Protein backbone atom coordinates (compact mmCIF):
# COMPACT_ATOMS: atom_id res chain seq x y z
CA MET A 1 -0.45 0.11 -0.06
CA THR A 2 1.07 3.14 -0.97
CA PRO A 3 1.31 6.12 1.85
CA PRO A 4 -1.26 8.49 0.67
CA ASP A 5 1.45 11.84 1.53
CA CYS A 6 3.76 9.92 -1.44
CA ALA A 7 4.02 11.68 -5.02
CA PHE A 8 3.87 7.98 -6.68
CA ASP A 9 1.34 5.38 -6.72
CA ARG A 10 1.94 1.59 -6.78
CA TYR A 11 0.19 -1.02 -8.21
CA GLY A 12 0.87 -5.17 -8.25
CA ASP A 13 0.63 -7.66 -5.98
CA ASP A 14 2.16 -7.62 -2.69
CA PRO A 15 4.50 -9.76 -2.23
CA PRO A 16 5.51 -9.84 -6.08
CA ALA A 17 3.73 -12.54 -8.00
CA SER A 18 6.60 -12.01 -10.48
CA PRO A 19 10.49 -11.20 -10.50
CA ILE A 20 9.95 -8.14 -12.40
CA VAL A 21 9.34 -4.62 -11.04
CA LEU A 22 8.27 -1.81 -13.19
CA SER A 23 9.21 2.12 -13.32
CA VAL A 24 7.79 4.89 -14.75
CA PRO A 25 9.73 7.79 -13.56
CA HIS A 26 9.11 10.87 -15.68
CA ALA A 27 5.58 10.70 -16.68
CA GLY A 28 3.92 12.57 -13.57
CA ARG A 29 1.66 15.72 -14.95
CA ASP A 30 1.61 16.72 -11.13
CA TYR A 31 2.84 20.76 -11.10
CA PRO A 32 2.66 22.14 -7.67
CA MET A 33 1.64 25.86 -7.26
CA ALA A 34 4.85 27.05 -5.90
CA LEU A 35 6.41 25.36 -9.59
CA ARG A 36 3.81 27.45 -11.63
CA ALA A 37 4.67 30.59 -9.68
CA ALA A 38 8.64 30.06 -10.14
CA LEU A 39 8.12 29.56 -14.41
CA ARG A 40 9.66 32.08 -16.37
CA VAL A 41 7.96 30.03 -19.52
CA PRO A 42 4.25 28.80 -20.14
CA LEU A 43 3.70 25.86 -18.79
CA ALA A 44 3.11 23.90 -22.00
CA ALA A 45 7.03 24.60 -22.12
CA ALA A 46 8.27 22.82 -19.36
CA THR A 47 5.71 19.86 -20.39
CA VAL A 48 8.54 19.24 -22.69
CA LEU A 49 9.76 17.37 -19.96
CA GLU A 50 7.66 14.45 -19.51
CA ASP A 51 7.22 10.63 -20.76
CA ARG A 52 3.68 11.83 -22.31
CA TYR A 53 1.58 9.94 -20.97
CA ILE A 54 3.88 6.43 -21.38
CA ASP A 55 2.30 5.55 -17.60
CA ALA A 56 -1.05 4.43 -19.55
CA VAL A 57 0.69 2.41 -21.37
CA ALA A 58 2.32 0.78 -18.61
CA LEU A 59 -1.15 0.97 -16.47
CA ALA A 60 -2.85 -1.18 -19.76
CA ALA A 61 -0.07 -3.47 -19.85
CA HIS A 62 0.29 -3.77 -16.32
CA ASP A 63 -0.44 -7.30 -15.28
CA GLY A 64 0.03 -7.66 -11.06
CA GLU A 65 3.87 -7.16 -11.06
CA PRO A 66 5.74 -4.42 -8.63
CA LEU A 67 4.47 -1.14 -10.77
CA PHE A 68 5.94 2.57 -9.49
CA ILE A 69 4.57 5.39 -11.37
CA GLN A 70 5.69 9.02 -10.00
CA ARG A 71 2.69 12.06 -10.45
CA ARG A 72 5.03 14.97 -9.83
CA ALA A 73 6.18 16.31 -13.00
CA ARG A 74 10.04 16.10 -14.21
CA ALA A 75 10.36 19.76 -13.85
CA TRP A 76 9.83 19.90 -10.16
CA ILE A 77 12.65 17.21 -9.81
CA ASP A 78 13.88 14.18 -11.73
CA LEU A 79 14.32 11.09 -10.14
CA ASN A 80 16.52 9.44 -12.83
CA ARG A 81 19.30 11.98 -11.34
CA SER A 82 21.19 11.16 -9.07
CA GLU A 83 21.00 14.21 -5.54
CA GLN A 84 24.75 15.01 -6.07
CA GLU A 85 23.82 16.75 -9.40
CA ARG A 86 22.44 19.83 -8.31
CA ASP A 87 23.01 22.80 -10.69
CA PRO A 88 25.04 25.38 -9.19
CA ALA A 89 23.48 27.84 -11.71
CA ILE A 90 20.00 27.75 -10.10
CA ASP A 91 20.69 25.95 -6.86
CA GLU A 92 21.55 28.03 -3.67
CA GLY A 93 22.49 24.69 -2.08
CA ALA A 94 24.72 23.47 -4.95
CA ALA A 95 28.71 23.96 -5.91
CA TRP A 96 30.02 22.32 -8.39
CA THR A 97 33.33 22.21 -5.92
CA ALA A 98 30.80 19.33 -4.44
CA LEU A 99 30.06 17.53 -7.56
CA PRO A 100 31.71 14.37 -8.15
CA LEU A 101 31.28 15.18 -11.29
CA ALA A 102 29.55 18.04 -13.85
CA SER A 103 27.65 15.30 -16.38
CA ALA A 104 26.93 16.27 -20.10
CA LYS A 105 23.32 16.01 -18.85
CA LEU A 106 24.28 19.13 -15.55
CA ARG A 107 26.13 21.31 -18.30
CA GLY A 108 23.15 21.21 -20.70
CA GLY A 109 20.83 22.29 -17.73
CA LEU A 110 19.70 18.67 -17.33
CA GLY A 111 20.02 17.90 -14.05
CA LEU A 112 18.42 16.99 -10.21
CA VAL A 113 15.84 20.24 -11.45
CA PRO A 114 16.17 20.55 -14.83
CA ARG A 115 17.13 24.21 -15.46
CA ARG A 116 16.49 24.56 -19.23
CA ILE A 117 15.05 23.05 -22.00
CA ALA A 118 16.03 23.08 -25.66
CA GLY A 119 13.32 25.21 -27.57
CA ALA A 120 12.38 27.26 -24.70
CA GLY A 121 15.24 28.66 -23.05
CA GLU A 122 15.69 28.94 -18.87
CA LEU A 123 12.64 27.48 -17.16
CA TRP A 124 12.85 29.77 -13.29
CA ARG A 125 12.17 33.58 -12.57
CA ARG A 126 14.87 33.08 -9.80
CA ARG A 127 17.61 30.60 -7.78
CA LEU A 128 16.10 27.73 -5.83
CA ASP A 129 16.28 27.61 -2.39
CA ALA A 130 18.33 25.20 -1.36
CA TYR A 131 15.95 24.34 1.35
CA ASP A 132 12.96 23.35 -1.25
CA VAL A 133 15.48 21.20 -3.20
CA ALA A 134 16.23 19.47 -0.03
CA ALA A 135 12.88 18.87 0.63
CA ARG A 136 12.56 17.91 -2.44
CA ILE A 137 15.67 15.07 -2.56
CA ARG A 138 13.71 14.06 0.93
CA ASP A 139 10.09 14.05 0.19
CA ASP A 140 10.26 12.93 -3.75
CA HIS A 141 13.16 11.93 -4.46
CA ARG A 142 14.46 9.02 -1.66
CA PRO A 143 11.08 7.86 -1.43
CA TYR A 144 11.14 5.89 -4.81
CA HIS A 145 14.26 4.97 -4.62
CA ALA A 146 13.90 3.23 -1.88
CA ALA A 147 10.36 1.60 -2.81
CA LEU A 148 12.19 0.65 -5.98
CA SER A 149 14.64 -0.85 -3.94
CA GLN A 150 12.63 -2.97 -1.25
CA ALA A 151 10.35 -3.86 -4.05
CA LEU A 152 13.69 -5.38 -6.06
CA ALA A 153 15.44 -6.88 -2.73
CA VAL A 154 11.84 -9.05 -1.95
CA ALA A 155 12.18 -10.48 -5.79
CA ARG A 156 15.23 -11.22 -5.36
CA GLY A 157 14.67 -13.28 -2.47
CA ARG A 158 11.62 -15.14 -3.74
CA PHE A 159 12.38 -15.40 -7.19
CA GLY A 160 16.30 -15.14 -7.19
CA THR A 161 16.17 -13.27 -10.07
CA ALA A 162 14.82 -9.76 -9.88
CA VAL A 163 14.39 -7.30 -13.16
CA LEU A 164 13.99 -3.85 -13.40
CA LEU A 165 12.47 -2.32 -16.15
CA ASP A 166 12.30 1.29 -16.12
CA ILE A 167 9.69 2.49 -18.80
CA HIS A 168 10.28 5.79 -21.20
CA SER A 169 9.54 7.40 -24.03
CA MET A 170 11.18 10.10 -26.36
CA PRO A 171 10.80 12.07 -29.58
CA SER A 172 11.14 10.84 -32.78
CA LEU A 173 14.53 9.84 -33.81
CA GLY A 174 13.50 10.34 -37.55
CA PRO A 175 13.25 8.07 -40.58
CA ASP A 176 14.52 4.77 -41.45
CA ARG A 177 15.62 5.25 -37.26
CA ALA A 178 14.94 2.88 -34.38
CA ARG A 179 11.11 3.52 -32.36
CA LEU A 180 12.59 1.83 -29.18
CA VAL A 181 16.18 2.27 -27.37
CA ILE A 182 16.80 -0.46 -25.25
CA GLY A 183 19.37 0.97 -22.48
CA ASP A 184 21.58 -1.23 -20.08
CA ARG A 185 24.33 0.91 -19.38
CA PHE A 186 26.49 -0.90 -22.21
CA GLY A 187 26.24 -4.37 -20.63
CA ARG A 188 26.60 -3.15 -17.62
CA SER A 189 23.23 -2.83 -15.70
CA ALA A 190 21.61 -7.03 -17.28
CA GLY A 191 22.37 -9.63 -18.76
CA THR A 192 22.84 -10.18 -22.18
CA ARG A 193 20.39 -13.15 -22.10
CA PHE A 194 17.50 -10.45 -20.89
CA ILE A 195 18.28 -8.26 -24.06
CA ALA A 196 18.21 -10.41 -26.06
CA ALA A 197 15.03 -11.69 -24.94
CA LEU A 198 13.32 -7.93 -25.64
CA GLU A 199 14.56 -7.45 -29.11
CA VAL A 200 13.27 -10.68 -30.04
CA VAL A 201 9.86 -9.34 -28.53
CA ALA A 202 10.48 -6.25 -31.27
CA ALA A 203 11.15 -7.91 -33.73
CA ARG A 204 8.73 -10.03 -33.37
CA HIS A 205 6.48 -6.80 -33.66
CA GLY A 206 8.44 -5.24 -36.25
CA ILE A 207 9.51 -2.29 -34.36
CA PRO A 208 12.72 -1.19 -34.98
CA VAL A 209 15.24 -1.11 -31.75
CA ALA A 210 18.63 0.38 -30.78
CA LEU A 211 21.07 -1.18 -27.74
CA ASN A 212 22.27 2.80 -25.63
CA VAL A 213 22.15 4.89 -29.00
CA PRO A 214 21.16 7.87 -27.56
CA TYR A 215 19.64 6.15 -24.69
CA ALA A 216 21.79 4.09 -22.29
CA GLY A 217 19.66 4.45 -19.02
CA GLY A 218 20.67 7.08 -16.16
CA HIS A 219 21.06 7.20 -12.24
CA ILE A 220 17.95 4.50 -11.82
CA LEU A 221 20.13 1.88 -13.33
CA ASP A 222 23.27 2.68 -11.50
CA THR A 223 21.22 3.12 -8.16
CA HIS A 224 19.06 -0.17 -8.40
CA ALA A 225 21.45 -2.89 -10.83
CA CYS A 226 23.68 -5.58 -9.61
CA PRO A 227 23.90 -8.37 -12.23
CA ALA A 228 25.99 -10.41 -10.15
CA ASN A 229 23.60 -10.21 -6.65
CA GLY A 230 20.49 -11.35 -9.37
CA ILE A 231 19.19 -7.62 -9.90
CA HIS A 232 19.41 -6.56 -13.31
CA ALA A 233 17.91 -3.16 -14.57
CA ILE A 234 17.05 -2.29 -18.13
CA GLN A 235 15.52 0.98 -19.44
CA ILE A 236 13.67 1.10 -22.45
CA GLU A 237 12.29 4.09 -24.28
CA PHE A 238 9.52 4.35 -26.69
CA ASP A 239 9.31 6.36 -29.37
CA ARG A 240 5.92 8.60 -28.92
CA THR A 241 4.31 8.70 -32.03
CA LEU A 242 3.88 4.27 -31.22
CA TYR A 243 1.22 5.42 -29.36
CA LEU A 244 0.09 8.97 -29.26
CA ASP A 245 -2.34 11.05 -31.37
CA PRO A 246 -1.13 12.75 -34.24
CA ALA A 247 -0.41 15.83 -32.13
CA GLY A 248 1.11 14.55 -29.88
CA ASP A 249 -0.90 15.64 -26.76
CA ARG A 250 -2.90 12.58 -25.99
CA PRO A 251 -3.20 9.12 -25.95
CA GLY A 252 -3.72 7.75 -29.29
CA ASP A 253 -5.57 4.54 -31.40
CA LYS A 254 -2.01 2.75 -31.02
CA LEU A 255 -1.71 2.85 -27.52
CA GLY A 256 -3.35 -0.77 -27.22
CA ALA A 257 -0.64 -2.39 -29.62
CA ILE A 258 2.27 -0.60 -28.13
CA ALA A 259 0.82 -1.89 -24.57
CA ARG A 260 0.39 -5.61 -25.81
CA LEU A 261 4.26 -5.10 -27.24
CA LEU A 262 5.25 -3.79 -23.33
CA ARG A 263 3.10 -6.64 -22.15
CA ASP A 264 5.10 -9.45 -24.24
CA MET A 265 8.30 -8.12 -23.20
CA ILE A 266 7.33 -8.10 -19.53
CA ASP A 267 6.37 -12.04 -19.81
CA ALA A 268 9.40 -12.35 -21.63
CA LEU A 269 11.61 -10.80 -19.25
CA ALA A 270 9.74 -13.12 -16.96
CA ASP A 271 10.57 -16.49 -18.79
CA GLU A 272 14.27 -15.23 -18.83
CA ALA A 273 15.07 -15.08 -15.10
CA ALA A 274 13.28 -17.77 -14.88
CA THR A 275 15.50 -19.97 -16.45
CA PRO A 276 18.11 -22.01 -14.68
CA LEU A 277 21.50 -19.80 -15.34
CA SER A 278 23.51 -23.69 -16.10
CA ILE A 279 20.73 -24.07 -19.24
CA ALA A 280 20.71 -19.67 -20.42
CA ALA A 281 23.65 -18.32 -22.20
CA GLU A 282 25.19 -14.98 -20.45
């Protein structure tokens, strides 16, 4: 049961009836009044950060696995960034010297609290109060990751293997390009047998796939994956034109087909997780 003050929703059986744990961290459409008041751009510009309605795909595909969907908008805090990726350009509580690494995403304005968006520019009227950002970390970021970690530990303990599927969406990469990108941190976050299983399903559905380029996964995979201990983590990015309406704003007629694709992927991962390692080729 998800506590009522959580910024995410949890669905599925408890204890889990599957080794698969699903995560949807970027589809939130809850924009707190404090965020709206601080924006220097129209709210519609901030919604570009959303993985628009990919939660609808996940819910349609869901069949009892633990499923976590963040309600709070990505513009408020990005769950796929480390707590250390606080942006000194806008965050009073950050300093470049405190950062272990100024990542390319952070330098581009897509840190723990996004600073700017391509095509819209800077998001905020003023710098962010250090205590405000700390409260977002405490109330939104840490509870989501703690819940994922617990679900994966329970699934691993019950089934011997757990697989986190982190579900995202992306703008179209262009004609004749991949429409689904699988990320495994260049082989570090999941066994190759799980990636192969996803590729087989995508091919059966006629969906062109790329691996790790241009999206290899981020903080969620880095934090929760530990293949050596039986916990694998994979990110998938669906081209939004696969399931949204022609305007790219609302769920479209093809959402059901993409939900079936995702369901088949979940089932393939569960089947692979149930295969003894002595039989599976890693």
